[in-house]
């Protein structure tokens, strides 16, 4: 079972681009499905995350905000996936 990973982002966000690169370099693509959501398309999300992006949720739980490394992402994802296996 793959984890559902949601990344709240917006165009032009440098930290968002860094987070996406770290996620891609984690080497565990087979463990998750990534959905990117542009907060500018939803007034509620924009109000909620306007100053806090990027924000990353794993299976509905906020896991990271602003920064992560490939290692910390892989570790968090592995914990979540093991719980559901």
PDB file of N, CA and C in Angstrom:
ATOM      1  N   UNK A   1       0.838  -1.186   0.000  1.00  0.00           N
ATOM      2  CA  UNK A   1       0.000   0.000   0.000  1.00  0.00           C
ATOM      3  C   UNK A   1       0.881   1.247   0.000  1.00  0.00           C
ATOM      4  N   UNK A   2       0.626   2.147  -0.939  1.00  0.00           N
ATOM      5  CA  UNK A   2       1.418   3.369  -1.031  1.00  0.00           C
ATOM      6  C   UNK A   2       0.836   4.458  -0.135  1.00  0.00           C
ATOM      7  N   UNK A   3       1.735   5.249   0.433  1.00  0.00           N
ATOM      8  CA  UNK A   3       1.323   6.391   1.246  1.00  0.00           C
ATOM      9  C   UNK A   3       0.870   7.522   0.331  1.00  0.00           C
ATOM     10  N   UNK A   4      -0.089   8.295   0.811  1.00  0.00           N
ATOM     11  CA  UNK A   4      -0.556   9.476   0.093  1.00  0.00           C
ATOM     12  C   UNK A   4       0.207  10.687   0.634  1.00  0.00           C
ATOM     13  N   UNK A   5       0.980  11.323  -0.212  1.00  0.00           N
ATOM     14  CA  UNK A   5       1.787  12.475   0.179  1.00  0.00           C
ATOM     15  C   UNK A   5       1.231  13.697  -0.543  1.00  0.00           C
ATOM     16  N   UNK A   6       0.889  14.722   0.226  1.00  0.00           N
ATOM     17  CA  UNK A   6       0.374  15.958  -0.350  1.00  0.00           C
ATOM     18  C   UNK A   6       1.339  17.085  -0.006  1.00  0.00           C
ATOM     19  N   UNK A   7       1.744  17.803  -1.028  1.00  0.00           N
ATOM     20  CA  UNK A   7       2.637  18.944  -0.871  1.00  0.00           C
ATOM     21  C   UNK A   7       1.868  20.208  -1.217  1.00  0.00           C
ATOM     22  N   UNK A   8       1.671  21.067  -0.225  1.00  0.00           N
ATOM     23  CA  UNK A   8       1.036  22.359  -0.448  1.00  0.00           C
ATOM     24  C   UNK A   8       2.127  23.338  -0.848  1.00  0.00           C
ATOM     25  N   UNK A   9       1.927  23.985  -1.987  1.00  0.00           N
ATOM     26  CA  UNK A   9       2.955  24.793  -2.608  1.00  0.00           C
ATOM     27  C   UNK A   9       2.328  25.953  -3.368  1.00  0.00           C
ATOM     28  N   UNK A  10       3.154  26.758  -3.992  1.00  0.00           N
ATOM     29  CA  UNK A  10       2.676  27.774  -4.931  1.00  0.00           C
ATOM     30  C   UNK A  10       3.817  28.098  -5.893  1.00  0.00           C
ATOM     31  N   UNK A  11       3.488  28.611  -7.074  1.00  0.00           N
ATOM     32  CA  UNK A  11       4.520  28.946  -8.049  1.00  0.00           C
ATOM     33  C   UNK A  11       5.497  29.976  -7.490  1.00  0.00           C
ATOM     34  N   UNK A  12       6.759  29.792  -7.845  1.00  0.00           N
ATOM     35  CA  UNK A  12       7.791  30.738  -7.443  1.00  0.00           C
ATOM     36  C   UNK A  12       8.325  30.553  -6.036  1.00  0.00           C
ATOM     37  N   UNK A  13       7.913  29.491  -5.379  1.00  0.00           N
ATOM     38  CA  UNK A  13       8.350  29.228  -4.004  1.00  0.00           C
ATOM     39  C   UNK A  13       9.668  28.453  -4.028  1.00  0.00           C
ATOM     40  N   UNK A  14      10.753  29.118  -3.637  1.00  0.00           N
ATOM     41  CA  UNK A  14      12.074  28.484  -3.642  1.00  0.00           C
ATOM     42  C   UNK A  14      12.138  27.298  -2.688  1.00  0.00           C
ATOM     43  N   UNK A  15      11.619  27.454  -1.475  1.00  0.00           N
ATOM     44  CA  UNK A  15      11.649  26.347  -0.511  1.00  0.00           C
ATOM     45  C   UNK A  15      10.855  25.149  -1.023  1.00  0.00           C
ATOM     46  N   UNK A  16       9.786  25.414  -1.769  1.00  0.00           N
ATOM     47  CA  UNK A  16       8.987  24.327  -2.345  1.00  0.00           C
ATOM     48  C   UNK A  16       9.816  23.532  -3.356  1.00  0.00           C
ATOM     49  N   UNK A  17      10.561  24.231  -4.178  1.00  0.00           N
ATOM     50  CA  UNK A  17      11.408  23.562  -5.169  1.00  0.00           C
ATOM     51  C   UNK A  17      12.486  22.721  -4.487  1.00  0.00           C
ATOM     52  N   UNK A  18      13.067  23.250  -3.431  1.00  0.00           N
ATOM     53  CA  UNK A  18      14.079  22.498  -2.681  1.00  0.00           C
ATOM     54  C   UNK A  18      13.448  21.248  -2.082  1.00  0.00           C
ATOM     55  N   UNK A  19      12.249  21.385  -1.498  1.00  0.00           N
ATOM     56  CA  UNK A  19      11.591  20.232  -0.898  1.00  0.00           C
ATOM     57  C   UNK A  19      11.289  19.174  -1.957  1.00  0.00           C
ATOM     58  N   UNK A  20      10.822  19.582  -3.127  1.00  0.00           N
ATOM     59  CA  UNK A  20      10.536  18.623  -4.200  1.00  0.00           C
ATOM     60  C   UNK A  20      11.801  17.884  -4.629  1.00  0.00           C
ATOM     61  N   UNK A  21      12.916  18.598  -4.704  1.00  0.00           N
ATOM     62  CA  UNK A  21      14.188  17.940  -5.068  1.00  0.00           C
ATOM     63  C   UNK A  21      14.596  16.919  -4.015  1.00  0.00           C
ATOM     64  N   UNK A  22      14.441  17.269  -2.744  1.00  0.00           N
ATOM     65  CA  UNK A  22      14.784  16.332  -1.662  1.00  0.00           C
ATOM     66  C   UNK A  22      13.891  15.089  -1.708  1.00  0.00           C
ATOM     67  N   UNK A  23      12.605  15.296  -1.946  1.00  0.00           N
ATOM     68  CA  UNK A  23      11.674  14.163  -2.054  1.00  0.00           C
ATOM     69  C   UNK A  23      12.102  13.260  -3.204  1.00  0.00           C
ATOM     70  N   UNK A  24      12.417  13.850  -4.348  1.00  0.00           N
ATOM     71  CA  UNK A  24      12.830  13.076  -5.522  1.00  0.00           C
ATOM     72  C   UNK A  24      14.123  12.315  -5.277  1.00  0.00           C
ATOM     73  N   UNK A  25      15.014  12.889  -4.485  1.00  0.00           N
ATOM     74  CA  UNK A  25      16.307  12.233  -4.248  1.00  0.00           C
ATOM     75  C   UNK A  25      16.260  11.220  -3.097  1.00  0.00           C
ATOM     76  N   UNK A  26      15.108  11.069  -2.458  1.00  0.00           N
ATOM     77  CA  UNK A  26      14.997  10.141  -1.328  1.00  0.00           C
ATOM     78  C   UNK A  26      15.091   8.674  -1.764  1.00  0.00           C
ATOM     79  N   UNK A  27      14.822   8.407  -3.037  1.00  0.00           N
ATOM     80  CA  UNK A  27      14.977   7.049  -3.552  1.00  0.00           C
ATOM     81  C   UNK A  27      13.926   6.071  -3.050  1.00  0.00           C
ATOM     82  N   UNK A  28      12.722   6.553  -2.801  1.00  0.00           N
ATOM     83  CA  UNK A  28      11.671   5.654  -2.304  1.00  0.00           C
ATOM     84  C   UNK A  28      10.346   5.911  -3.014  1.00  0.00           C
ATOM     85  N   UNK A  29      10.419   6.233  -4.300  1.00  0.00           N
ATOM     86  CA  UNK A  29       9.223   6.549  -5.090  1.00  0.00           C
ATOM     87  C   UNK A  29       8.168   5.449  -5.045  1.00  0.00           C
ATOM     88  N   UNK A  30       8.596   4.215  -4.848  1.00  0.00           N
ATOM     89  CA  UNK A  30       7.665   3.090  -4.840  1.00  0.00           C
ATOM     90  C   UNK A  30       6.780   3.063  -3.591  1.00  0.00           C
ATOM     91  N   UNK A  31       7.095   3.890  -2.598  1.00  0.00           N
ATOM     92  CA  UNK A  31       6.355   3.885  -1.335  1.00  0.00           C
ATOM     93  C   UNK A  31       5.236   4.920  -1.257  1.00  0.00           C
ATOM     94  N   UNK A  32       5.158   5.841  -2.227  1.00  0.00           N
ATOM     95  CA  UNK A  32       4.187   6.918  -2.090  1.00  0.00           C
ATOM     96  C   UNK A  32       3.678   7.432  -3.433  1.00  0.00           C
ATOM     97  N   UNK A  33       2.539   8.114  -3.351  1.00  0.00           N
ATOM     98  CA  UNK A  33       1.969   8.856  -4.469  1.00  0.00           C
ATOM     99  C   UNK A  33       1.968  10.318  -4.038  1.00  0.00           C
ATOM    100  N   UNK A  34       2.579  11.180  -4.846  1.00  0.00           N
ATOM    101  CA  UNK A  34       2.705  12.595  -4.512  1.00  0.00           C
ATOM    102  C   UNK A  34       1.658  13.408  -5.266  1.00  0.00           C
ATOM    103  N   UNK A  35       0.958  14.251  -4.518  1.00  0.00           N
ATOM    104  CA  UNK A  35       0.025  15.212  -5.099  1.00  0.00           C
ATOM    105  C   UNK A  35       0.479  16.602  -4.676  1.00  0.00           C
ATOM    106  N   UNK A  36       0.675  17.463  -5.653  1.00  0.00           N
ATOM    107  CA  UNK A  36       1.044  18.848  -5.362  1.00  0.00           C
ATOM    108  C   UNK A  36      -0.205  19.710  -5.481  1.00  0.00           C
ATOM    109  N   UNK A  37      -0.442  20.531  -4.482  1.00  0.00           N
ATOM    110  CA  UNK A  37      -1.611  21.412  -4.487  1.00  0.00           C
ATOM    111  C   UNK A  37      -1.140  22.857  -4.403  1.00  0.00           C
ATOM    112  N   UNK A  38      -1.536  23.627  -5.402  1.00  0.00           N
ATOM    113  CA  UNK A  38      -1.213  25.054  -5.459  1.00  0.00           C
ATOM    114  C   UNK A  38      -2.204  25.790  -4.560  1.00  0.00           C
ATOM    115  N   UNK A  39      -1.721  26.354  -3.480  1.00  0.00           N
ATOM    116  CA  UNK A  39      -2.604  27.021  -2.517  1.00  0.00           C
ATOM    117  C   UNK A  39      -3.263  28.270  -3.100  1.00  0.00           C
ATOM    118  N   UNK A  40      -2.711  28.800  -4.166  1.00  0.00           N
ATOM    119  CA  UNK A  40      -3.295  30.000  -4.776  1.00  0.00           C
ATOM    120  C   UNK A  40      -4.629  29.701  -5.466  1.00  0.00           C
ATOM    121  N   UNK A  41      -4.924  28.439  -5.692  1.00  0.00           N
ATOM    122  CA  UNK A  41      -6.175  28.054  -6.350  1.00  0.00           C
ATOM    123  C   UNK A  41      -7.335  27.872  -5.379  1.00  0.00           C
ATOM    124  N   UNK A  42      -7.082  28.013  -4.084  1.00  0.00           N
ATOM    125  CA  UNK A  42      -8.119  27.780  -3.074  1.00  0.00           C
ATOM    126  C   UNK A  42      -7.972  28.818  -1.964  1.00  0.00           C
ATOM    127  N   UNK A  43      -8.945  29.715  -1.827  1.00  0.00           N
ATOM    128  CA  UNK A  43      -8.835  30.786  -0.823  1.00  0.00           C
ATOM    129  C   UNK A  43      -8.629  30.267   0.609  1.00  0.00           C
ATOM    130  N   UNK A  44      -9.262  29.164   0.967  1.00  0.00           N
ATOM    131  CA  UNK A  44      -9.084  28.614   2.318  1.00  0.00           C
ATOM    132  C   UNK A  44      -7.659  28.119   2.532  1.00  0.00           C
ATOM    133  N   UNK A  45      -7.139  27.398   1.544  1.00  0.00           N
ATOM    134  CA  UNK A  45      -5.761  26.903   1.659  1.00  0.00           C
ATOM    135  C   UNK A  45      -4.775  28.065   1.663  1.00  0.00           C
ATOM    136  N   UNK A  46      -5.049  29.073   0.848  1.00  0.00           N
ATOM    137  CA  UNK A  46      -4.165  30.232   0.809  1.00  0.00           C
ATOM    138  C   UNK A  46      -4.130  30.920   2.171  1.00  0.00           C
ATOM    139  N   UNK A  47      -5.294  31.092   2.782  1.00  0.00           N
ATOM    140  CA  UNK A  47      -5.358  31.731   4.104  1.00  0.00           C
ATOM    141  C   UNK A  47      -4.644  30.872   5.153  1.00  0.00           C
ATOM    142  N   UNK A  48      -4.783  29.572   5.036  1.00  0.00           N
ATOM    143  CA  UNK A  48      -4.193  28.662   6.034  1.00  0.00           C
ATOM    144  C   UNK A  48      -2.674  28.549   5.914  1.00  0.00           C
ATOM    145  N   UNK A  49      -2.175  28.428   4.671  1.00  0.00           N
ATOM    146  CA  UNK A  49      -0.759  28.115   4.460  1.00  0.00           C
ATOM    147  C   UNK A  49       0.059  29.253   3.854  1.00  0.00           C
ATOM    148  N   UNK A  50      -0.534  30.390   3.682  1.00  0.00           N
ATOM    149  CA  UNK A  50       0.093  31.510   2.989  1.00  0.00           C
ATOM    150  C   UNK A  50       1.544  31.781   3.393  1.00  0.00           C
ATOM    151  N   UNK A  51       1.821  31.762   4.681  1.00  0.00           N
ATOM    152  CA  UNK A  51       3.174  32.064   5.170  1.00  0.00           C
ATOM    153  C   UNK A  51       3.931  30.820   5.621  1.00  0.00           C
ATOM    154  N   UNK A  52       3.384  29.657   5.365  1.00  0.00           N
ATOM    155  CA  UNK A  52       3.961  28.421   5.911  1.00  0.00           C
ATOM    156  C   UNK A  52       4.398  27.403   4.876  1.00  0.00           C
ATOM    157  N   UNK A  53       4.292  27.712   3.595  1.00  0.00           N
ATOM    158  CA  UNK A  53       4.658  26.718   2.600  1.00  0.00           C
ATOM    159  C   UNK A  53       6.171  26.602   2.468  1.00  0.00           C
ATOM    160  N   UNK A  54       6.637  25.465   2.035  1.00  0.00           N
ATOM    161  CA  UNK A  54       5.867  24.270   1.742  1.00  0.00           C
ATOM    162  C   UNK A  54       5.443  23.540   3.009  1.00  0.00           C
ATOM    163  N   UNK A  55       4.309  22.861   2.889  1.00  0.00           N
ATOM    164  CA  UNK A  55       3.808  22.005   3.954  1.00  0.00           C
ATOM    165  C   UNK A  55       3.540  20.651   3.324  1.00  0.00           C
ATOM    166  N   UNK A  56       4.006  19.590   3.995  1.00  0.00           N
ATOM    167  CA  UNK A  56       3.872  18.244   3.458  1.00  0.00           C
ATOM    168  C   UNK A  56       3.094  17.374   4.439  1.00  0.00           C
ATOM    169  N   UNK A  57       2.059  16.729   3.915  1.00  0.00           N
ATOM    170  CA  UNK A  57       1.256  15.793   4.690  1.00  0.00           C
ATOM    171  C   UNK A  57       1.515  14.378   4.187  1.00  0.00           C
ATOM    172  N   UNK A  58       1.576  13.432   5.103  1.00  0.00           N
ATOM    173  CA  UNK A  58       1.681  12.025   4.761  1.00  0.00           C
ATOM    174  C   UNK A  58       0.462  11.335   5.356  1.00  0.00           C
ATOM    175  N   UNK A  59      -0.348  10.744   4.487  1.00  0.00           N
ATOM    176  CA  UNK A  59      -1.593  10.078   4.899  1.00  0.00           C
ATOM    177  C   UNK A  59      -2.436  10.959   5.813  1.00  0.00           C
ATOM    178  N   UNK A  60      -2.565  12.231   5.453  1.00  0.00           N
ATOM    179  CA  UNK A  60      -3.448  13.129   6.164  1.00  0.00           C
ATOM    180  C   UNK A  60      -2.882  13.802   7.399  1.00  0.00           C
ATOM    181  N   UNK A  61      -1.643  13.493   7.747  1.00  0.00           N
ATOM    182  CA  UNK A  61      -1.003  14.076   8.928  1.00  0.00           C
ATOM    183  C   UNK A  61       0.143  14.979   8.493  1.00  0.00           C
ATOM    184  N   UNK A  62       0.160  16.191   9.041  1.00  0.00           N
ATOM    185  CA  UNK A  62       1.261  17.090   8.696  1.00  0.00           C
ATOM    186  C   UNK A  62       2.564  16.503   9.199  1.00  0.00           C
ATOM    187  N   UNK A  63       3.519  16.361   8.283  1.00  0.00           N
ATOM    188  CA  UNK A  63       4.793  15.735   8.619  1.00  0.00           C
ATOM    189  C   UNK A  63       5.964  16.720   8.559  1.00  0.00           C
ATOM    190  N   UNK A  64       5.896  17.680   7.640  1.00  0.00           N
ATOM    191  CA  UNK A  64       7.001  18.624   7.466  1.00  0.00           C
ATOM    192  C   UNK A  64       6.464  19.997   7.080  1.00  0.00           C
ATOM    193  N   UNK A  65       7.214  21.007   7.477  1.00  0.00           N
ATOM    194  CA  UNK A  65       6.893  22.384   7.104  1.00  0.00           C
ATOM    195  C   UNK A  65       8.203  23.103   6.825  1.00  0.00           C
ATOM    196  N   UNK A  66       8.255  23.791   5.721  1.00  0.00           N
ATOM    197  CA  UNK A  66       9.392  24.594   5.267  1.00  0.00           C
ATOM    198  C   UNK A  66      10.550  23.752   4.748  1.00  0.00           C
ATOM    199  N   UNK A  67      11.037  22.795   5.520  1.00  0.00           N
ATOM    200  CA  UNK A  67      12.229  22.050   5.089  1.00  0.00           C
ATOM    201  C   UNK A  67      12.146  20.578   5.462  1.00  0.00           C
ATOM    202  N   UNK A  68      12.827  19.787   4.674  1.00  0.00           N
ATOM    203  CA  UNK A  68      13.077  18.389   4.985  1.00  0.00           C
ATOM    204  C   UNK A  68      14.320  17.984   4.219  1.00  0.00           C
ATOM    205  N   UNK A  69      14.890  16.861   4.603  1.00  0.00           N
ATOM    206  CA  UNK A  69      15.994  16.291   3.828  1.00  0.00           C
ATOM    207  C   UNK A  69      15.512  14.974   3.246  1.00  0.00           C
ATOM    208  N   UNK A  70      16.227  14.480   2.263  1.00  0.00           N
ATOM    209  CA  UNK A  70      15.866  13.191   1.675  1.00  0.00           C
ATOM    210  C   UNK A  70      15.811  12.123   2.765  1.00  0.00           C
ATOM    211  N   UNK A  71      16.758  12.149   3.682  1.00  0.00           N
ATOM    212  CA  UNK A  71      16.799  11.145   4.756  1.00  0.00           C
ATOM    213  C   UNK A  71      15.614  11.253   5.699  1.00  0.00           C
ATOM    214  N   UNK A  72      15.267  12.480   6.128  1.00  0.00           N
ATOM    215  CA  UNK A  72      14.148  12.614   7.068  1.00  0.00           C
ATOM    216  C   UNK A  72      12.826  12.271   6.394  1.00  0.00           C
ATOM    217  N   UNK A  73      12.692  12.576   5.108  1.00  0.00           N
ATOM    218  CA  UNK A  73      11.483  12.198   4.381  1.00  0.00           C
ATOM    219  C   UNK A  73      11.373  10.684   4.286  1.00  0.00           C
ATOM    220  N   UNK A  74      12.452  10.021   3.887  1.00  0.00           N
ATOM    221  CA  UNK A  74      12.455   8.563   3.750  1.00  0.00           C
ATOM    222  C   UNK A  74      12.136   7.888   5.091  1.00  0.00           C
ATOM    223  N   UNK A  75      12.728   8.382   6.169  1.00  0.00           N
ATOM    224  CA  UNK A  75      12.481   7.816   7.497  1.00  0.00           C
ATOM    225  C   UNK A  75      11.009   7.969   7.907  1.00  0.00           C
ATOM    226  N   UNK A  76      10.449   9.158   7.712  1.00  0.00           N
ATOM    227  CA  UNK A  76       9.047   9.396   8.072  1.00  0.00           C
ATOM    228  C   UNK A  76       8.120   8.533   7.223  1.00  0.00           C
ATOM    229  N   UNK A  77       8.401   8.447   5.956  1.00  0.00           N
ATOM    230  CA  UNK A  77       7.583   7.651   5.055  1.00  0.00           C
ATOM    231  C   UNK A  77       7.654   6.173   5.402  1.00  0.00           C
ATOM    232  N   UNK A  78       8.828   5.680   5.695  1.00  0.00           N
ATOM    233  CA  UNK A  78       9.002   4.272   6.057  1.00  0.00           C
ATOM    234  C   UNK A  78       8.219   3.930   7.317  1.00  0.00           C
ATOM    235  N   UNK A  79       8.243   4.820   8.313  1.00  0.00           N
ATOM    236  CA  UNK A  79       7.459   4.594   9.541  1.00  0.00           C
ATOM    237  C   UNK A  79       5.976   4.480   9.237  1.00  0.00           C
ATOM    238  N   UNK A  80       5.495   5.373   8.403  1.00  0.00           N
ATOM    239  CA  UNK A  80       4.059   5.377   8.065  1.00  0.00           C
ATOM    240  C   UNK A  80       3.684   4.119   7.296  1.00  0.00           C
ATOM    241  N   UNK A  81       4.469   3.758   6.315  1.00  0.00           N
ATOM    242  CA  UNK A  81       4.162   2.587   5.483  1.00  0.00           C
ATOM    243  C   UNK A  81       4.200   1.312   6.328  1.00  0.00           C
ATOM    244  N   UNK A  82       5.157   1.181   7.235  1.00  0.00           N
ATOM    245  CA  UNK A  82       5.244  -0.003   8.083  1.00  0.00           C
ATOM    246  C   UNK A  82       4.013  -0.150   8.979  1.00  0.00           C
ATOM    247  N   UNK A  83       3.453   0.974   9.432  1.00  0.00           N
ATOM    248  CA  UNK A  83       2.258   0.939  10.270  1.00  0.00           C
ATOM    249  C   UNK A  83       1.060   0.363   9.538  1.00  0.00           C
ATOM    250  N   UNK A  84       1.016   0.558   8.216  1.00  0.00           N
ATOM    251  CA  UNK A  84      -0.147   0.121   7.452  1.00  0.00           C
ATOM    252  C   UNK A  84       0.054  -1.204   6.747  1.00  0.00           C
ATOM    253  N   UNK A  85       1.196  -1.814   6.928  1.00  0.00           N
ATOM    254  CA  UNK A  85       1.454  -3.127   6.302  1.00  0.00           C
ATOM    255  C   UNK A  85       1.047  -4.254   7.211  1.00  0.00           C
TER     256      UNK A  85
END
